[in-house]
Amino acid sequence: MFLRSCIFLFLVGTFSVFGQNANPTASTAIKANFTMASVKAYQESATLKVEDYYHYLTLFSAENTSESLKNEIKLSIYNLFENENSNVIDYTTEEKPTISLKELLTKIENKNYLFSVSNFENSIVANDFWTTQYQLTITQNEKPQQLLLFQKVSFKPIIKSFGSTKKEVWTLFLGEVTLP
């Protein structure tokens, strides 16, 4: 009986160590790598990225924006996000379903939407993301509507090359946008 207990404890200990090593966020956790003051600074930077996103959407949706500029804006928007197929809110319908970022850009092109954001609040930081809550005002044809939205912001280390030197750099990416 004693031998079985020892073997059982050995196996449990061994598999729990492997389980910890299998978790990629354990070594990349935000709280493990940054002070809360640093995280607050990154959250402020994320707020600016959200504001940039909506400024880009306004420019992209304008009828008088040239095609070459729209292509550049589209690339800039995709660079803000972790994935160009991230789910966002479809502001063009009454129901406000989620659609991919690519689909949203297709739907708002040349529709003259104006977007503005305010009242940002950040959630508690998880391993590699937090959620930002904000108020979005959308105006089209002089009819404003307001939405309360949540946006996931990922904070991940990526390897960047600087000449022949490679360095790990933590980068912010916008993620899915949802209604409360």
N, C-alpha and C. Protein backbone atom coordinates (compact mmCIF):
# COMPACT_ATOMS: atom_id res chain seq x y z
N MET A 1 0.82 -1.19 0.00
CA MET A 1 0.00 0.00 0.00
C MET A 1 0.87 1.26 0.00
N PHE A 2 1.90 1.24 0.82
CA PHE A 2 2.80 2.39 0.88
C PHE A 2 3.47 2.62 -0.47
N LEU A 3 3.88 1.56 -1.13
CA LEU A 3 4.54 1.66 -2.43
C LEU A 3 3.59 2.25 -3.48
N ARG A 4 2.34 1.83 -3.45
CA ARG A 4 1.35 2.38 -4.39
C ARG A 4 1.16 3.88 -4.16
N SER A 5 1.09 4.28 -2.90
CA SER A 5 0.93 5.70 -2.58
C SER A 5 2.12 6.51 -3.07
N CYS A 6 3.32 5.99 -2.89
CA CYS A 6 4.52 6.69 -3.35
C CYS A 6 4.51 6.82 -4.87
N ILE A 7 4.15 5.73 -5.57
CA ILE A 7 4.11 5.77 -7.03
C ILE A 7 3.05 6.76 -7.49
N PHE A 8 1.89 6.75 -6.85
CA PHE A 8 0.82 7.67 -7.20
C PHE A 8 1.28 9.12 -7.03
N LEU A 9 1.90 9.44 -5.88
CA LEU A 9 2.37 10.80 -5.64
C LEU A 9 3.46 11.20 -6.64
N PHE A 10 4.34 10.27 -6.97
CA PHE A 10 5.38 10.55 -7.97
C PHE A 10 4.74 10.89 -9.31
N LEU A 11 3.75 10.11 -9.75
CA LEU A 11 3.10 10.35 -11.03
C LEU A 11 2.33 11.68 -11.03
N VAL A 12 1.62 11.96 -9.95
CA VAL A 12 0.89 13.23 -9.86
C VAL A 12 1.86 14.40 -9.93
N GLY A 13 2.96 14.32 -9.18
CA GLY A 13 3.96 15.39 -9.20
C GLY A 13 4.57 15.55 -10.57
N THR A 14 4.88 14.45 -11.24
CA THR A 14 5.49 14.51 -12.56
C THR A 14 4.55 15.14 -13.57
N PHE A 15 3.29 14.71 -13.58
CA PHE A 15 2.34 15.26 -14.55
C PHE A 15 1.97 16.70 -14.25
N SER A 16 1.97 17.09 -12.99
CA SER A 16 1.67 18.50 -12.70
C SER A 16 2.80 19.40 -13.17
N VAL A 17 4.05 18.95 -13.11
CA VAL A 17 5.17 19.74 -13.63
C VAL A 17 5.05 19.87 -15.13
N PHE A 18 4.74 18.74 -15.81
CA PHE A 18 4.57 18.82 -17.27
C PHE A 18 3.41 19.72 -17.62
N GLY A 19 2.33 19.68 -16.85
CA GLY A 19 1.17 20.53 -17.11
C GLY A 19 1.52 22.00 -16.98
N GLN A 20 2.36 22.34 -15.99
CA GLN A 20 2.75 23.73 -15.84
C GLN A 20 3.61 24.17 -17.01
N ASN A 21 4.50 23.34 -17.48
CA ASN A 21 5.36 23.69 -18.60
C ASN A 21 4.60 23.77 -19.90
N ALA A 22 3.47 23.07 -19.99
CA ALA A 22 2.68 23.08 -21.22
C ALA A 22 1.87 24.36 -21.38
N ASN A 23 1.72 25.13 -20.30
CA ASN A 23 0.94 26.35 -20.35
C ASN A 23 1.81 27.49 -20.86
N PRO A 24 1.62 27.90 -22.11
CA PRO A 24 2.49 28.93 -22.67
C PRO A 24 2.33 30.29 -22.01
N THR A 25 1.17 30.56 -21.40
CA THR A 25 0.98 31.88 -20.80
C THR A 25 1.62 31.98 -19.43
N ALA A 26 1.98 30.85 -18.83
CA ALA A 26 2.60 30.90 -17.52
C ALA A 26 3.91 31.68 -17.57
N SER A 27 4.68 31.51 -18.61
CA SER A 27 5.95 32.21 -18.72
C SER A 27 5.78 33.59 -19.37
N THR A 28 4.64 33.84 -19.98
CA THR A 28 4.43 35.12 -20.65
C THR A 28 3.35 35.96 -19.98
N ALA A 29 3.03 35.64 -18.75
CA ALA A 29 1.99 36.37 -18.05
C ALA A 29 2.39 37.83 -17.86
N ILE A 30 1.44 38.71 -18.09
CA ILE A 30 1.69 40.15 -17.98
C ILE A 30 2.15 40.49 -16.56
N LYS A 31 1.42 40.02 -15.57
CA LYS A 31 1.73 40.36 -14.18
C LYS A 31 3.11 39.84 -13.76
N ALA A 32 3.56 38.75 -14.38
CA ALA A 32 4.87 38.19 -14.03
C ALA A 32 6.01 39.01 -14.60
N ASN A 33 5.76 39.79 -15.64
CA ASN A 33 6.81 40.52 -16.33
C ASN A 33 6.79 42.03 -16.11
N PHE A 34 5.69 42.57 -15.57
CA PHE A 34 5.57 44.02 -15.47
C PHE A 34 4.96 44.43 -14.14
N THR A 35 5.35 45.61 -13.68
CA THR A 35 4.72 46.18 -12.49
C THR A 35 3.34 46.71 -12.89
N MET A 36 2.49 46.93 -11.91
CA MET A 36 1.15 47.45 -12.22
C MET A 36 1.25 48.86 -12.81
N ALA A 37 2.26 49.63 -12.43
CA ALA A 37 2.44 50.96 -13.03
C ALA A 37 2.74 50.83 -14.53
N SER A 38 3.56 49.85 -14.88
CA SER A 38 3.87 49.60 -16.30
C SER A 38 2.63 49.15 -17.05
N VAL A 39 1.86 48.26 -16.42
CA VAL A 39 0.64 47.77 -17.06
C VAL A 39 -0.31 48.92 -17.31
N LYS A 40 -0.44 49.84 -16.34
CA LYS A 40 -1.30 51.02 -16.53
C LYS A 40 -0.85 51.84 -17.73
N ALA A 41 0.45 51.99 -17.90
CA ALA A 41 0.98 52.73 -19.04
C ALA A 41 0.63 52.02 -20.35
N TYR A 42 0.74 50.70 -20.35
CA TYR A 42 0.36 49.95 -21.55
C TYR A 42 -1.14 50.05 -21.81
N GLN A 43 -1.94 50.09 -20.75
CA GLN A 43 -3.38 50.24 -20.93
C GLN A 43 -3.71 51.60 -21.54
N GLU A 44 -2.98 52.63 -21.15
CA GLU A 44 -3.16 53.95 -21.77
C GLU A 44 -2.81 53.90 -23.25
N SER A 45 -1.74 53.20 -23.56
CA SER A 45 -1.34 53.03 -24.97
C SER A 45 -2.42 52.27 -25.74
N ALA A 46 -3.04 51.29 -25.11
CA ALA A 46 -4.11 50.54 -25.76
C ALA A 46 -5.31 51.44 -26.03
N THR A 47 -5.60 52.35 -25.12
CA THR A 47 -6.68 53.31 -25.32
C THR A 47 -6.42 54.14 -26.58
N LEU A 48 -5.17 54.54 -26.76
CA LEU A 48 -4.80 55.30 -27.96
C LEU A 48 -4.97 54.45 -29.22
N LYS A 49 -4.67 53.15 -29.13
CA LYS A 49 -4.85 52.27 -30.29
C LYS A 49 -6.33 52.14 -30.64
N VAL A 50 -7.18 52.06 -29.63
CA VAL A 50 -8.63 51.99 -29.88
C VAL A 50 -9.08 53.29 -30.56
N GLU A 51 -8.61 54.42 -30.06
CA GLU A 51 -8.96 55.70 -30.69
C GLU A 51 -8.46 55.75 -32.13
N ASP A 52 -7.24 55.27 -32.38
CA ASP A 52 -6.70 55.22 -33.74
C ASP A 52 -7.58 54.37 -34.65
N TYR A 53 -8.00 53.23 -34.13
CA TYR A 53 -8.85 52.33 -34.90
C TYR A 53 -10.10 53.06 -35.41
N TYR A 54 -10.76 53.79 -34.53
CA TYR A 54 -11.99 54.48 -34.94
C TYR A 54 -11.71 55.69 -35.84
N HIS A 55 -10.56 56.33 -35.66
CA HIS A 55 -10.18 57.41 -36.60
C HIS A 55 -9.96 56.81 -37.99
N TYR A 56 -9.29 55.66 -38.03
CA TYR A 56 -9.07 54.97 -39.31
C TYR A 56 -10.39 54.57 -39.95
N LEU A 57 -11.34 54.07 -39.13
CA LEU A 57 -12.65 53.69 -39.69
C LEU A 57 -13.35 54.91 -40.29
N THR A 58 -13.27 56.05 -39.63
CA THR A 58 -13.88 57.27 -40.15
C THR A 58 -13.27 57.64 -41.50
N LEU A 59 -11.95 57.62 -41.58
CA LEU A 59 -11.29 57.93 -42.86
C LEU A 59 -11.62 56.90 -43.93
N PHE A 60 -11.63 55.64 -43.54
CA PHE A 60 -11.90 54.58 -44.51
C PHE A 60 -13.32 54.67 -45.07
N SER A 61 -14.27 55.08 -44.23
CA SER A 61 -15.66 55.13 -44.69
C SER A 61 -16.00 56.38 -45.49
N ALA A 62 -15.10 57.36 -45.50
CA ALA A 62 -15.37 58.62 -46.22
C ALA A 62 -15.34 58.41 -47.73
N GLU A 63 -16.34 58.96 -48.39
CA GLU A 63 -16.44 58.84 -49.86
C GLU A 63 -15.27 59.50 -50.57
N ASN A 64 -14.76 60.58 -50.00
CA ASN A 64 -13.72 61.34 -50.69
C ASN A 64 -12.30 60.86 -50.41
N THR A 65 -12.14 59.75 -49.69
CA THR A 65 -10.81 59.18 -49.45
C THR A 65 -10.39 58.39 -50.69
N SER A 66 -9.18 58.66 -51.16
CA SER A 66 -8.69 57.99 -52.38
C SER A 66 -8.50 56.49 -52.14
N GLU A 67 -8.53 55.73 -53.22
CA GLU A 67 -8.37 54.27 -53.13
C GLU A 67 -6.99 53.90 -52.57
N SER A 68 -5.96 54.61 -52.99
CA SER A 68 -4.62 54.28 -52.49
C SER A 68 -4.52 54.54 -50.98
N LEU A 69 -5.13 55.62 -50.50
CA LEU A 69 -5.14 55.90 -49.07
C LEU A 69 -5.98 54.85 -48.34
N LYS A 70 -7.10 54.45 -48.91
CA LYS A 70 -7.93 53.41 -48.27
C LYS A 70 -7.15 52.11 -48.12
N ASN A 71 -6.34 51.77 -49.11
CA ASN A 71 -5.52 50.56 -49.00
C ASN A 71 -4.52 50.67 -47.85
N GLU A 72 -3.91 51.84 -47.70
CA GLU A 72 -2.97 52.08 -46.59
C GLU A 72 -3.70 52.03 -45.24
N ILE A 73 -4.88 52.63 -45.19
CA ILE A 73 -5.67 52.64 -43.96
C ILE A 73 -6.05 51.22 -43.58
N LYS A 74 -6.47 50.43 -44.56
CA LYS A 74 -6.85 49.04 -44.30
C LYS A 74 -5.67 48.28 -43.70
N LEU A 75 -4.48 48.45 -44.26
CA LEU A 75 -3.29 47.80 -43.70
C LEU A 75 -3.01 48.27 -42.28
N SER A 76 -3.18 49.56 -42.03
CA SER A 76 -2.96 50.10 -40.68
C SER A 76 -3.96 49.51 -39.69
N ILE A 77 -5.20 49.36 -40.11
CA ILE A 77 -6.22 48.76 -39.24
C ILE A 77 -5.86 47.31 -38.95
N TYR A 78 -5.50 46.56 -39.97
CA TYR A 78 -5.13 45.15 -39.76
C TYR A 78 -3.93 45.03 -38.83
N ASN A 79 -2.99 45.97 -38.90
CA ASN A 79 -1.81 45.94 -38.03
C ASN A 79 -2.15 46.21 -36.56
N LEU A 80 -3.26 46.89 -36.32
CA LEU A 80 -3.69 47.13 -34.94
C LEU A 80 -4.23 45.87 -34.29
N PHE A 81 -4.76 44.96 -35.11
CA PHE A 81 -5.42 43.77 -34.60
C PHE A 81 -4.50 42.56 -34.64
N GLU A 82 -4.80 41.64 -33.75
CA GLU A 82 -4.05 40.39 -33.71
C GLU A 82 -4.37 39.55 -34.94
N ASN A 83 -5.60 39.71 -35.46
CA ASN A 83 -6.06 38.89 -36.57
C ASN A 83 -7.05 39.72 -37.39
N GLU A 84 -6.88 39.74 -38.71
CA GLU A 84 -7.79 40.54 -39.54
C GLU A 84 -9.20 39.96 -39.60
N ASN A 85 -9.38 38.75 -39.08
CA ASN A 85 -10.72 38.16 -39.01
C ASN A 85 -11.30 38.26 -37.60
N SER A 86 -10.73 39.13 -36.77
CA SER A 86 -11.28 39.34 -35.42
C SER A 86 -12.73 39.76 -35.54
N ASN A 87 -13.54 39.33 -34.58
CA ASN A 87 -14.95 39.70 -34.57
C ASN A 87 -15.13 41.09 -34.01
N VAL A 88 -15.92 41.88 -34.71
CA VAL A 88 -16.26 43.24 -34.29
C VAL A 88 -17.77 43.42 -34.44
N ILE A 89 -18.28 44.50 -33.92
CA ILE A 89 -19.71 44.78 -34.02
C ILE A 89 -20.03 45.36 -35.40
N ASP A 90 -21.11 44.89 -35.97
CA ASP A 90 -21.60 45.43 -37.25
C ASP A 90 -22.46 46.66 -36.94
N TYR A 91 -21.88 47.84 -37.10
CA TYR A 91 -22.56 49.09 -36.78
C TYR A 91 -23.59 49.47 -37.82
N THR A 92 -23.64 48.75 -38.93
CA THR A 92 -24.51 49.12 -40.06
C THR A 92 -25.92 48.55 -39.93
N THR A 93 -26.16 47.70 -38.94
CA THR A 93 -27.49 47.09 -38.80
C THR A 93 -28.08 47.43 -37.43
N GLU A 94 -29.37 47.31 -37.35
CA GLU A 94 -30.08 47.55 -36.10
C GLU A 94 -29.73 46.51 -35.04
N GLU A 95 -29.56 45.26 -35.46
CA GLU A 95 -29.35 44.14 -34.53
C GLU A 95 -27.96 44.15 -33.90
N LYS A 96 -26.99 44.75 -34.56
CA LYS A 96 -25.60 44.85 -34.10
C LYS A 96 -24.96 43.47 -33.85
N PRO A 97 -25.01 42.58 -34.84
CA PRO A 97 -24.35 41.27 -34.67
C PRO A 97 -22.83 41.44 -34.77
N THR A 98 -22.10 40.38 -34.45
CA THR A 98 -20.65 40.43 -34.66
C THR A 98 -20.34 39.88 -36.05
N ILE A 99 -19.36 40.51 -36.69
CA ILE A 99 -18.88 40.08 -38.00
C ILE A 99 -17.36 40.22 -37.99
N SER A 100 -16.72 39.73 -39.02
CA SER A 100 -15.26 39.86 -39.07
C SER A 100 -14.88 41.30 -39.41
N LEU A 101 -13.69 41.67 -39.03
CA LEU A 101 -13.17 43.01 -39.33
C LEU A 101 -13.17 43.25 -40.84
N LYS A 102 -12.79 42.23 -41.61
CA LYS A 102 -12.78 42.37 -43.08
C LYS A 102 -14.18 42.70 -43.60
N GLU A 103 -15.19 42.00 -43.07
CA GLU A 103 -16.57 42.25 -43.50
C GLU A 103 -17.02 43.66 -43.14
N LEU A 104 -16.65 44.11 -41.95
CA LEU A 104 -17.03 45.45 -41.53
C LEU A 104 -16.46 46.50 -42.48
N LEU A 105 -15.20 46.35 -42.83
CA LEU A 105 -14.59 47.33 -43.74
C LEU A 105 -15.31 47.37 -45.08
N THR A 106 -15.72 46.22 -45.57
CA THR A 106 -16.47 46.18 -46.83
C THR A 106 -17.81 46.91 -46.69
N LYS A 107 -18.47 46.73 -45.54
CA LYS A 107 -19.80 47.31 -45.35
C LYS A 107 -19.79 48.83 -45.13
N ILE A 108 -18.71 49.36 -44.55
CA ILE A 108 -18.71 50.80 -44.25
C ILE A 108 -18.03 51.65 -45.32
N GLU A 109 -17.38 51.01 -46.28
CA GLU A 109 -16.65 51.77 -47.30
C GLU A 109 -17.59 52.71 -48.06
N ASN A 110 -17.19 53.96 -48.17
CA ASN A 110 -17.94 55.02 -48.88
C ASN A 110 -19.30 55.33 -48.25
N LYS A 111 -19.49 55.05 -46.97
CA LYS A 111 -20.77 55.30 -46.32
C LYS A 111 -20.74 56.50 -45.38
N ASN A 112 -19.60 57.18 -45.28
CA ASN A 112 -19.47 58.42 -44.50
C ASN A 112 -19.90 58.28 -43.03
N TYR A 113 -19.35 57.32 -42.34
CA TYR A 113 -19.57 57.18 -40.90
C TYR A 113 -18.56 58.04 -40.16
N LEU A 114 -18.99 58.59 -39.06
CA LEU A 114 -18.10 59.28 -38.13
C LEU A 114 -18.12 58.50 -36.82
N PHE A 115 -16.95 58.20 -36.29
CA PHE A 115 -16.83 57.44 -35.05
C PHE A 115 -16.07 58.27 -34.03
N SER A 116 -16.54 58.27 -32.79
CA SER A 116 -15.77 58.87 -31.70
C SER A 116 -15.95 58.01 -30.45
N VAL A 117 -14.92 57.96 -29.63
CA VAL A 117 -14.92 57.12 -28.44
C VAL A 117 -14.65 57.96 -27.20
N SER A 118 -15.19 57.50 -26.06
CA SER A 118 -14.98 58.19 -24.79
C SER A 118 -15.24 57.22 -23.64
N ASN A 119 -14.99 57.68 -22.42
CA ASN A 119 -15.30 56.96 -21.19
C ASN A 119 -14.66 55.57 -21.12
N PHE A 120 -13.36 55.52 -21.25
CA PHE A 120 -12.64 54.25 -21.21
C PHE A 120 -12.50 53.74 -19.78
N GLU A 121 -12.67 52.41 -19.61
CA GLU A 121 -12.41 51.73 -18.35
C GLU A 121 -11.77 50.39 -18.68
N ASN A 122 -10.69 50.07 -17.98
CA ASN A 122 -10.00 48.80 -18.21
C ASN A 122 -10.35 47.80 -17.13
N SER A 123 -10.43 46.54 -17.52
CA SER A 123 -10.72 45.47 -16.58
C SER A 123 -9.43 45.03 -15.89
N ILE A 124 -9.58 44.08 -15.01
CA ILE A 124 -8.43 43.46 -14.36
C ILE A 124 -7.64 42.69 -15.40
N VAL A 125 -6.34 42.72 -15.28
CA VAL A 125 -5.46 42.08 -16.24
C VAL A 125 -5.46 40.57 -16.04
N ALA A 126 -5.64 39.83 -17.14
CA ALA A 126 -5.52 38.37 -17.13
C ALA A 126 -4.09 38.02 -17.54
N ASN A 127 -3.83 36.75 -17.86
CA ASN A 127 -2.46 36.34 -18.22
C ASN A 127 -1.89 37.12 -19.39
N ASP A 128 -2.65 37.25 -20.50
CA ASP A 128 -2.10 37.92 -21.67
C ASP A 128 -3.09 38.88 -22.33
N PHE A 129 -4.08 39.34 -21.58
CA PHE A 129 -5.04 40.30 -22.14
C PHE A 129 -5.79 41.01 -21.02
N TRP A 130 -6.49 42.05 -21.40
CA TRP A 130 -7.48 42.70 -20.55
C TRP A 130 -8.59 43.17 -21.47
N THR A 131 -9.66 43.64 -20.89
CA THR A 131 -10.79 44.14 -21.66
C THR A 131 -10.94 45.63 -21.38
N THR A 132 -11.15 46.38 -22.44
CA THR A 132 -11.39 47.81 -22.33
C THR A 132 -12.84 48.09 -22.65
N GLN A 133 -13.50 48.79 -21.76
CA GLN A 133 -14.90 49.20 -21.99
C GLN A 133 -14.88 50.66 -22.41
N TYR A 134 -15.70 51.01 -23.37
CA TYR A 134 -15.77 52.40 -23.81
C TYR A 134 -17.11 52.69 -24.46
N GLN A 135 -17.39 53.97 -24.60
CA GLN A 135 -18.61 54.42 -25.26
C GLN A 135 -18.24 54.85 -26.68
N LEU A 136 -18.96 54.33 -27.64
CA LEU A 136 -18.74 54.66 -29.04
C LEU A 136 -19.95 55.46 -29.54
N THR A 137 -19.67 56.60 -30.17
CA THR A 137 -20.71 57.37 -30.83
C THR A 137 -20.49 57.24 -32.33
N ILE A 138 -21.53 56.78 -33.01
CA ILE A 138 -21.48 56.58 -34.46
C ILE A 138 -22.48 57.55 -35.08
N THR A 139 -22.00 58.32 -36.05
CA THR A 139 -22.89 59.27 -36.72
C THR A 139 -22.85 59.01 -38.22
N GLN A 140 -24.04 58.87 -38.78
CA GLN A 140 -24.18 58.77 -40.23
C GLN A 140 -25.45 59.54 -40.59
N ASN A 141 -25.36 60.38 -41.62
CA ASN A 141 -26.49 61.21 -42.03
C ASN A 141 -27.04 62.02 -40.86
N GLU A 142 -26.15 62.55 -40.06
CA GLU A 142 -26.48 63.40 -38.92
C GLU A 142 -27.34 62.71 -37.87
N LYS A 143 -27.36 61.38 -37.86
CA LYS A 143 -28.09 60.62 -36.86
C LYS A 143 -27.09 59.91 -35.96
N PRO A 144 -26.84 60.45 -34.76
CA PRO A 144 -25.88 59.78 -33.87
C PRO A 144 -26.54 58.63 -33.10
N GLN A 145 -25.77 57.61 -32.86
CA GLN A 145 -26.20 56.53 -31.98
C GLN A 145 -25.02 56.19 -31.08
N GLN A 146 -25.33 55.77 -29.86
CA GLN A 146 -24.28 55.45 -28.90
C GLN A 146 -24.36 53.99 -28.50
N LEU A 147 -23.19 53.39 -28.36
CA LEU A 147 -23.08 52.01 -27.93
C LEU A 147 -22.04 51.90 -26.83
N LEU A 148 -22.30 51.04 -25.86
CA LEU A 148 -21.31 50.68 -24.87
C LEU A 148 -20.66 49.41 -25.37
N LEU A 149 -19.34 49.40 -25.50
CA LEU A 149 -18.63 48.25 -26.09
C LEU A 149 -17.52 47.75 -25.18
N PHE A 150 -17.18 46.49 -25.37
CA PHE A 150 -16.03 45.88 -24.73
C PHE A 150 -15.08 45.42 -25.82
N GLN A 151 -13.79 45.70 -25.64
CA GLN A 151 -12.80 45.27 -26.61
C GLN A 151 -11.66 44.57 -25.88
N LYS A 152 -11.34 43.40 -26.38
CA LYS A 152 -10.22 42.64 -25.83
C LYS A 152 -8.92 43.24 -26.36
N VAL A 153 -7.95 43.40 -25.47
CA VAL A 153 -6.63 43.90 -25.85
C VAL A 153 -5.62 42.84 -25.41
N SER A 154 -4.92 42.27 -26.37
CA SER A 154 -3.90 41.26 -26.07
C SER A 154 -2.55 41.94 -25.94
N PHE A 155 -1.73 41.40 -25.08
CA PHE A 155 -0.40 41.95 -24.81
C PHE A 155 0.55 40.77 -24.83
N LYS A 156 1.32 40.65 -25.89
CA LYS A 156 2.12 39.45 -26.10
C LYS A 156 3.55 39.77 -26.48
N PRO A 157 4.45 38.89 -26.08
CA PRO A 157 5.84 39.06 -26.53
C PRO A 157 6.00 38.51 -27.94
N ILE A 158 6.66 39.27 -28.79
CA ILE A 158 7.00 38.78 -30.13
C ILE A 158 8.49 39.02 -30.34
N ILE A 159 9.08 38.23 -31.20
CA ILE A 159 10.49 38.38 -31.50
C ILE A 159 10.62 39.31 -32.70
N LYS A 160 11.38 40.38 -32.52
CA LYS A 160 11.62 41.33 -33.61
C LYS A 160 13.11 41.35 -33.92
N SER A 161 13.39 41.55 -35.19
CA SER A 161 14.78 41.64 -35.62
C SER A 161 15.17 43.10 -35.79
N PHE A 162 16.32 43.44 -35.24
CA PHE A 162 16.92 44.76 -35.39
C PHE A 162 18.30 44.53 -35.99
N GLY A 163 18.34 44.49 -37.33
CA GLY A 163 19.58 44.12 -38.00
C GLY A 163 19.86 42.65 -37.76
N SER A 164 21.00 42.35 -37.20
CA SER A 164 21.32 40.95 -36.91
C SER A 164 20.91 40.55 -35.49
N THR A 165 20.40 41.50 -34.72
CA THR A 165 19.99 41.24 -33.34
C THR A 165 18.50 40.94 -33.28
N LYS A 166 18.15 39.92 -32.53
CA LYS A 166 16.74 39.60 -32.29
C LYS A 166 16.43 39.88 -30.84
N LYS A 167 15.26 40.47 -30.61
CA LYS A 167 14.87 40.84 -29.26
C LYS A 167 13.40 40.56 -29.04
N GLU A 168 13.05 40.16 -27.83
CA GLU A 168 11.65 39.97 -27.47
C GLU A 168 11.05 41.32 -27.11
N VAL A 169 9.97 41.68 -27.79
CA VAL A 169 9.30 42.95 -27.58
C VAL A 169 7.83 42.67 -27.28
N TRP A 170 7.33 43.25 -26.20
CA TRP A 170 5.92 43.08 -25.87
C TRP A 170 5.09 44.05 -26.73
N THR A 171 4.05 43.52 -27.34
CA THR A 171 3.25 44.30 -28.29
C THR A 171 1.77 44.19 -27.95
N LEU A 172 1.06 45.30 -28.14
CA LEU A 172 -0.39 45.36 -27.94
C LEU A 172 -1.11 45.05 -29.24
N PHE A 173 -2.16 44.25 -29.16
CA PHE A 173 -3.01 43.97 -30.31
C PHE A 173 -4.46 44.12 -29.87
N LEU A 174 -5.25 44.77 -30.72
CA LEU A 174 -6.68 44.83 -30.45
C LEU A 174 -7.30 43.50 -30.83
N GLY A 175 -8.36 43.14 -30.13
CA GLY A 175 -9.06 41.89 -30.40
C GLY A 175 -10.53 42.13 -30.58
N GLU A 176 -11.31 41.10 -30.30
CA GLU A 176 -12.74 41.14 -30.57
C GLU A 176 -13.45 42.28 -29.83
N VAL A 177 -14.49 42.78 -30.48
CA VAL A 177 -15.34 43.84 -29.92
C VAL A 177 -16.71 43.22 -29.68
N THR A 178 -17.25 43.42 -28.48
CA THR A 178 -18.56 42.85 -28.14
C THR A 178 -19.43 43.88 -27.42
N LEU A 179 -20.70 43.60 -27.42
CA LEU A 179 -21.65 44.37 -26.61
C LEU A 179 -21.68 43.76 -25.21
N PRO A 180 -22.10 44.54 -24.20
CA PRO A 180 -22.18 43.97 -22.83
C PRO A 180 -23.19 42.85 -22.73
